[in-house]
Amino acid sequence: LCDVEANYLVVRAFQYTSLTSVTLLDMFTIPCALLLTRLALGARYARRHVAGVLLCLAGLVGLVLSDAGGTGGADEAGSGSGSGGSGKPEHSGK
Protein backbone atom coordinates (compact mmCIF):
# COMPACT_ATOMS: atom_id res chain seq x y z
CA LEU A 1 0.00 0.00 0.00
CA CYS A 2 2.81 2.44 0.87
CA ASP A 3 4.52 1.74 -2.45
CA VAL A 4 1.35 2.57 -4.38
CA GLU A 5 0.87 5.81 -2.48
CA ALA A 6 4.52 6.78 -2.99
CA ASN A 7 4.24 6.19 -6.75
CA TYR A 8 1.03 8.24 -6.83
CA LEU A 9 2.80 11.15 -5.15
CA VAL A 10 5.68 10.95 -7.64
CA VAL A 11 3.22 11.12 -10.54
CA ARG A 12 1.43 14.08 -8.92
CA ALA A 13 4.78 15.84 -8.50
CA PHE A 14 5.13 16.04 -12.29
CA GLN A 15 2.35 18.67 -12.25
CA TYR A 16 4.31 21.03 -10.03
CA THR A 17 7.95 20.79 -11.11
CA SER A 18 10.27 19.70 -13.88
CA LEU A 19 11.11 16.14 -14.84
CA THR A 20 14.67 16.60 -13.60
CA SER A 21 13.51 17.70 -10.17
CA VAL A 22 11.06 14.83 -9.80
CA THR A 23 13.65 12.26 -10.84
CA LEU A 24 16.33 13.55 -8.50
CA LEU A 25 13.94 13.90 -5.59
CA ASP A 26 12.71 10.37 -6.26
CA MET A 27 16.30 9.21 -6.01
CA PHE A 28 16.41 10.60 -2.46
CA THR A 29 14.97 7.22 -1.48
CA ILE A 30 18.49 5.75 -1.59
CA PRO A 31 19.83 7.77 1.36
CA CYS A 32 16.53 7.30 3.21
CA ALA A 33 16.64 3.53 2.74
CA LEU A 34 20.23 3.43 3.94
CA LEU A 35 19.38 5.43 7.06
CA LEU A 36 16.24 3.47 7.87
CA THR A 37 17.92 0.08 7.47
CA ARG A 38 20.74 1.29 9.72
CA LEU A 39 18.30 2.44 12.40
CA ALA A 40 15.67 -0.31 12.17
CA LEU A 41 17.74 -3.33 11.16
CA GLY A 42 21.19 -2.40 12.39
CA ALA A 43 22.72 -2.85 8.94
CA ARG A 44 26.36 -1.84 8.51
CA TYR A 45 27.71 -0.14 5.41
CA ALA A 46 31.14 0.35 3.91
CA ARG A 47 32.69 3.81 3.60
CA ARG A 48 32.01 3.88 -0.13
CA HIS A 49 28.29 3.40 0.55
CA VAL A 50 28.33 6.37 2.90
CA ALA A 51 30.33 8.37 0.32
CA GLY A 52 27.67 7.55 -2.29
CA VAL A 53 24.93 8.77 0.03
CA LEU A 54 26.84 12.00 0.69
CA LEU A 55 27.16 12.51 -3.06
CA CYS A 56 23.40 11.98 -3.47
CA LEU A 57 22.69 14.48 -0.72
CA ALA A 58 25.08 17.04 -2.24
CA GLY A 59 23.23 16.71 -5.56
CA LEU A 60 19.91 17.11 -3.80
CA VAL A 61 21.08 20.28 -2.05
CA GLY A 62 22.27 21.67 -5.38
CA LEU A 63 18.92 20.86 -6.95
CA VAL A 64 16.96 22.52 -4.17
CA LEU A 65 19.11 25.64 -4.38
CA SER A 66 18.71 25.86 -8.16
CA ASP A 67 14.93 25.37 -7.92
CA ALA A 68 14.70 27.99 -5.20
CA GLY A 69 16.41 30.39 -7.59
CA GLY A 70 13.58 29.91 -10.07
CA THR A 71 15.45 27.95 -12.72
CA GLY A 72 14.01 24.83 -14.29
CA GLY A 73 10.51 25.06 -12.81
CA ALA A 74 7.44 23.50 -14.37
CA ASP A 75 6.15 26.72 -15.92
CA GLU A 76 9.54 27.53 -17.43
CA ALA A 77 9.81 24.04 -18.91
CA GLY A 78 6.43 24.39 -20.62
CA SER A 79 4.82 21.54 -18.71
CA GLY A 80 2.86 23.56 -16.15
CA SER A 81 -0.89 23.78 -15.93
CA GLY A 82 -0.91 27.06 -17.87
CA SER A 83 0.36 25.51 -21.10
CA GLY A 84 -2.18 22.71 -21.25
CA GLY A 85 0.60 20.12 -21.07
CA SER A 86 1.44 20.48 -24.75
CA GLY A 87 5.01 21.54 -24.05
CA LYS A 88 4.54 24.64 -26.23
CA PRO A 89 4.82 28.08 -24.67
CA GLU A 90 1.72 30.23 -24.54
CA HIS A 91 1.55 33.38 -26.65
CA SER A 92 -0.18 36.54 -25.52
CA GLY A 93 -1.32 37.42 -29.04
CA LYS A 94 0.70 40.65 -29.25
C-alpha atoms as a PDB file:
ATOM      1  CA  LEU A   1       0.000   0.000   0.000  1.00  0.00           C
ATOM      2  CA  CYS A   2       2.811   2.439   0.869  1.00  0.00           C
ATOM      3  CA  ASP A   3       4.520   1.739  -2.450  1.00  0.00           C
ATOM      4  CA  VAL A   4       1.347   2.571  -4.379  1.00  0.00           C
ATOM      5  CA  GLU A   5       0.872   5.815  -2.476  1.00  0.00           C
ATOM      6  CA  ALA A   6       4.515   6.781  -2.994  1.00  0.00           C
ATOM      7  CA  ASN A   7       4.239   6.190  -6.750  1.00  0.00           C
ATOM      8  CA  TYR A   8       1.031   8.240  -6.827  1.00  0.00           C
ATOM      9  CA  LEU A   9       2.796  11.150  -5.153  1.00  0.00           C
ATOM     10  CA  VAL A  10       5.684  10.947  -7.638  1.00  0.00           C
ATOM     11  CA  VAL A  11       3.224  11.115 -10.535  1.00  0.00           C
ATOM     12  CA  ARG A  12       1.433  14.077  -8.915  1.00  0.00           C
ATOM     13  CA  ALA A  13       4.783  15.837  -8.501  1.00  0.00           C
ATOM     14  CA  PHE A  14       5.130  16.041 -12.288  1.00  0.00           C
ATOM     15  CA  GLN A  15       2.353  18.670 -12.246  1.00  0.00           C
ATOM     16  CA  TYR A  16       4.313  21.028 -10.028  1.00  0.00           C
ATOM     17  CA  THR A  17       7.951  20.793 -11.106  1.00  0.00           C
ATOM     18  CA  SER A  18      10.270  19.704 -13.884  1.00  0.00           C
ATOM     19  CA  LEU A  19      11.115  16.136 -14.836  1.00  0.00           C
ATOM     20  CA  THR A  20      14.670  16.600 -13.603  1.00  0.00           C
ATOM     21  CA  SER A  21      13.512  17.702 -10.168  1.00  0.00           C
ATOM     22  CA  VAL A  22      11.059  14.831  -9.798  1.00  0.00           C
ATOM     23  CA  THR A  23      13.645  12.265 -10.843  1.00  0.00           C
ATOM     24  CA  LEU A  24      16.326  13.547  -8.499  1.00  0.00           C
ATOM     25  CA  LEU A  25      13.944  13.900  -5.592  1.00  0.00           C
ATOM     26  CA  ASP A  26      12.713  10.370  -6.261  1.00  0.00           C
ATOM     27  CA  MET A  27      16.302   9.207  -6.008  1.00  0.00           C
ATOM     28  CA  PHE A  28      16.410  10.598  -2.463  1.00  0.00           C
ATOM     29  CA  THR A  29      14.975   7.219  -1.480  1.00  0.00           C
ATOM     30  CA  ILE A  30      18.493   5.752  -1.591  1.00  0.00           C
ATOM     31  CA  PRO A  31      19.828   7.774   1.355  1.00  0.00           C
ATOM     32  CA  CYS A  32      16.534   7.297   3.206  1.00  0.00           C
ATOM     33  CA  ALA A  33      16.635   3.533   2.736  1.00  0.00           C
ATOM     34  CA  LEU A  34      20.233   3.434   3.936  1.00  0.00           C
ATOM     35  CA  LEU A  35      19.383   5.433   7.056  1.00  0.00           C
ATOM     36  CA  LEU A  36      16.236   3.467   7.869  1.00  0.00           C
ATOM     37  CA  THR A  37      17.921   0.077   7.472  1.00  0.00           C
ATOM     38  CA  ARG A  38      20.737   1.295   9.719  1.00  0.00           C
ATOM     39  CA  LEU A  39      18.303   2.444  12.403  1.00  0.00           C
ATOM     40  CA  ALA A  40      15.675  -0.308  12.168  1.00  0.00           C
ATOM     41  CA  LEU A  41      17.738  -3.328  11.164  1.00  0.00           C
ATOM     42  CA  GLY A  42      21.187  -2.404  12.393  1.00  0.00           C
ATOM     43  CA  ALA A  43      22.721  -2.850   8.939  1.00  0.00           C
ATOM     44  CA  ARG A  44      26.361  -1.842   8.512  1.00  0.00           C
ATOM     45  CA  TYR A  45      27.707  -0.139   5.406  1.00  0.00           C
ATOM     46  CA  ALA A  46      31.140   0.355   3.908  1.00  0.00           C
ATOM     47  CA  ARG A  47      32.691   3.805   3.598  1.00  0.00           C
ATOM     48  CA  ARG A  48      32.009   3.879  -0.134  1.00  0.00           C
ATOM     49  CA  HIS A  49      28.288   3.399   0.548  1.00  0.00           C
ATOM     50  CA  VAL A  50      28.334   6.373   2.903  1.00  0.00           C
ATOM     51  CA  ALA A  51      30.328   8.369   0.323  1.00  0.00           C
ATOM     52  CA  GLY A  52      27.671   7.553  -2.290  1.00  0.00           C
ATOM     53  CA  VAL A  53      24.932   8.774   0.035  1.00  0.00           C
ATOM     54  CA  LEU A  54      26.842  12.002   0.693  1.00  0.00           C
ATOM     55  CA  LEU A  55      27.162  12.506  -3.061  1.00  0.00           C
ATOM     56  CA  CYS A  56      23.398  11.979  -3.468  1.00  0.00           C
ATOM     57  CA  LEU A  57      22.689  14.485  -0.720  1.00  0.00           C
ATOM     58  CA  ALA A  58      25.079  17.042  -2.239  1.00  0.00           C
ATOM     59  CA  GLY A  59      23.234  16.710  -5.559  1.00  0.00           C
ATOM     60  CA  LEU A  60      19.912  17.113  -3.803  1.00  0.00           C
ATOM     61  CA  VAL A  61      21.080  20.277  -2.054  1.00  0.00           C
ATOM     62  CA  GLY A  62      22.273  21.669  -5.379  1.00  0.00           C
ATOM     63  CA  LEU A  63      18.923  20.856  -6.950  1.00  0.00           C
ATOM     64  CA  VAL A  64      16.955  22.517  -4.170  1.00  0.00           C
ATOM     65  CA  LEU A  65      19.110  25.637  -4.383  1.00  0.00           C
ATOM     66  CA  SER A  66      18.709  25.861  -8.160  1.00  0.00           C
ATOM     67  CA  ASP A  67      14.930  25.374  -7.924  1.00  0.00           C
ATOM     68  CA  ALA A  68      14.705  27.985  -5.196  1.00  0.00           C
ATOM     69  CA  GLY A  69      16.412  30.393  -7.591  1.00  0.00           C
ATOM     70  CA  GLY A  70      13.578  29.913 -10.072  1.00  0.00           C
ATOM     71  CA  THR A  71      15.452  27.949 -12.722  1.00  0.00           C
ATOM     72  CA  GLY A  72      14.008  24.833 -14.286  1.00  0.00           C
ATOM     73  CA  GLY A  73      10.511  25.058 -12.815  1.00  0.00           C
ATOM     74  CA  ALA A  74       7.435  23.501 -14.369  1.00  0.00           C
ATOM     75  CA  ASP A  75       6.147  26.723 -15.923  1.00  0.00           C
ATOM     76  CA  GLU A  76       9.539  27.535 -17.434  1.00  0.00           C
ATOM     77  CA  ALA A  77       9.808  24.037 -18.909  1.00  0.00           C
ATOM     78  CA  GLY A  78       6.430  24.391 -20.618  1.00  0.00           C
ATOM     79  CA  SER A  79       4.817  21.544 -18.714  1.00  0.00           C
ATOM     80  CA  GLY A  80       2.859  23.565 -16.147  1.00  0.00           C
ATOM     81  CA  SER A  81      -0.888  23.780 -15.932  1.00  0.00           C
ATOM     82  CA  GLY A  82      -0.911  27.062 -17.867  1.00  0.00           C
ATOM     83  CA  SER A  83       0.356  25.514 -21.100  1.00  0.00           C
ATOM     84  CA  GLY A  84      -2.185  22.713 -21.246  1.00  0.00           C
ATOM     85  CA  GLY A  85       0.597  20.118 -21.067  1.00  0.00           C
ATOM     86  CA  SER A  86       1.438  20.477 -24.753  1.00  0.00           C
ATOM     87  CA  GLY A  87       5.006  21.536 -24.053  1.00  0.00           C
ATOM     88  CA  LYS A  88       4.542  24.638 -26.233  1.00  0.00           C
ATOM     89  CA  PRO A  89       4.815  28.084 -24.673  1.00  0.00           C
ATOM     90  CA  GLU A  90       1.720  30.232 -24.543  1.00  0.00           C
ATOM     91  CA  HIS A  91       1.547  33.381 -26.653  1.00  0.00           C
ATOM     92  CA  SER A  92      -0.179  36.537 -25.521  1.00  0.00           C
ATOM     93  CA  GLY A  93      -1.324  37.420 -29.037  1.00  0.00           C
ATOM     94  CA  LYS A  94       0.702  40.647 -29.255  1.00  0.00           C
END
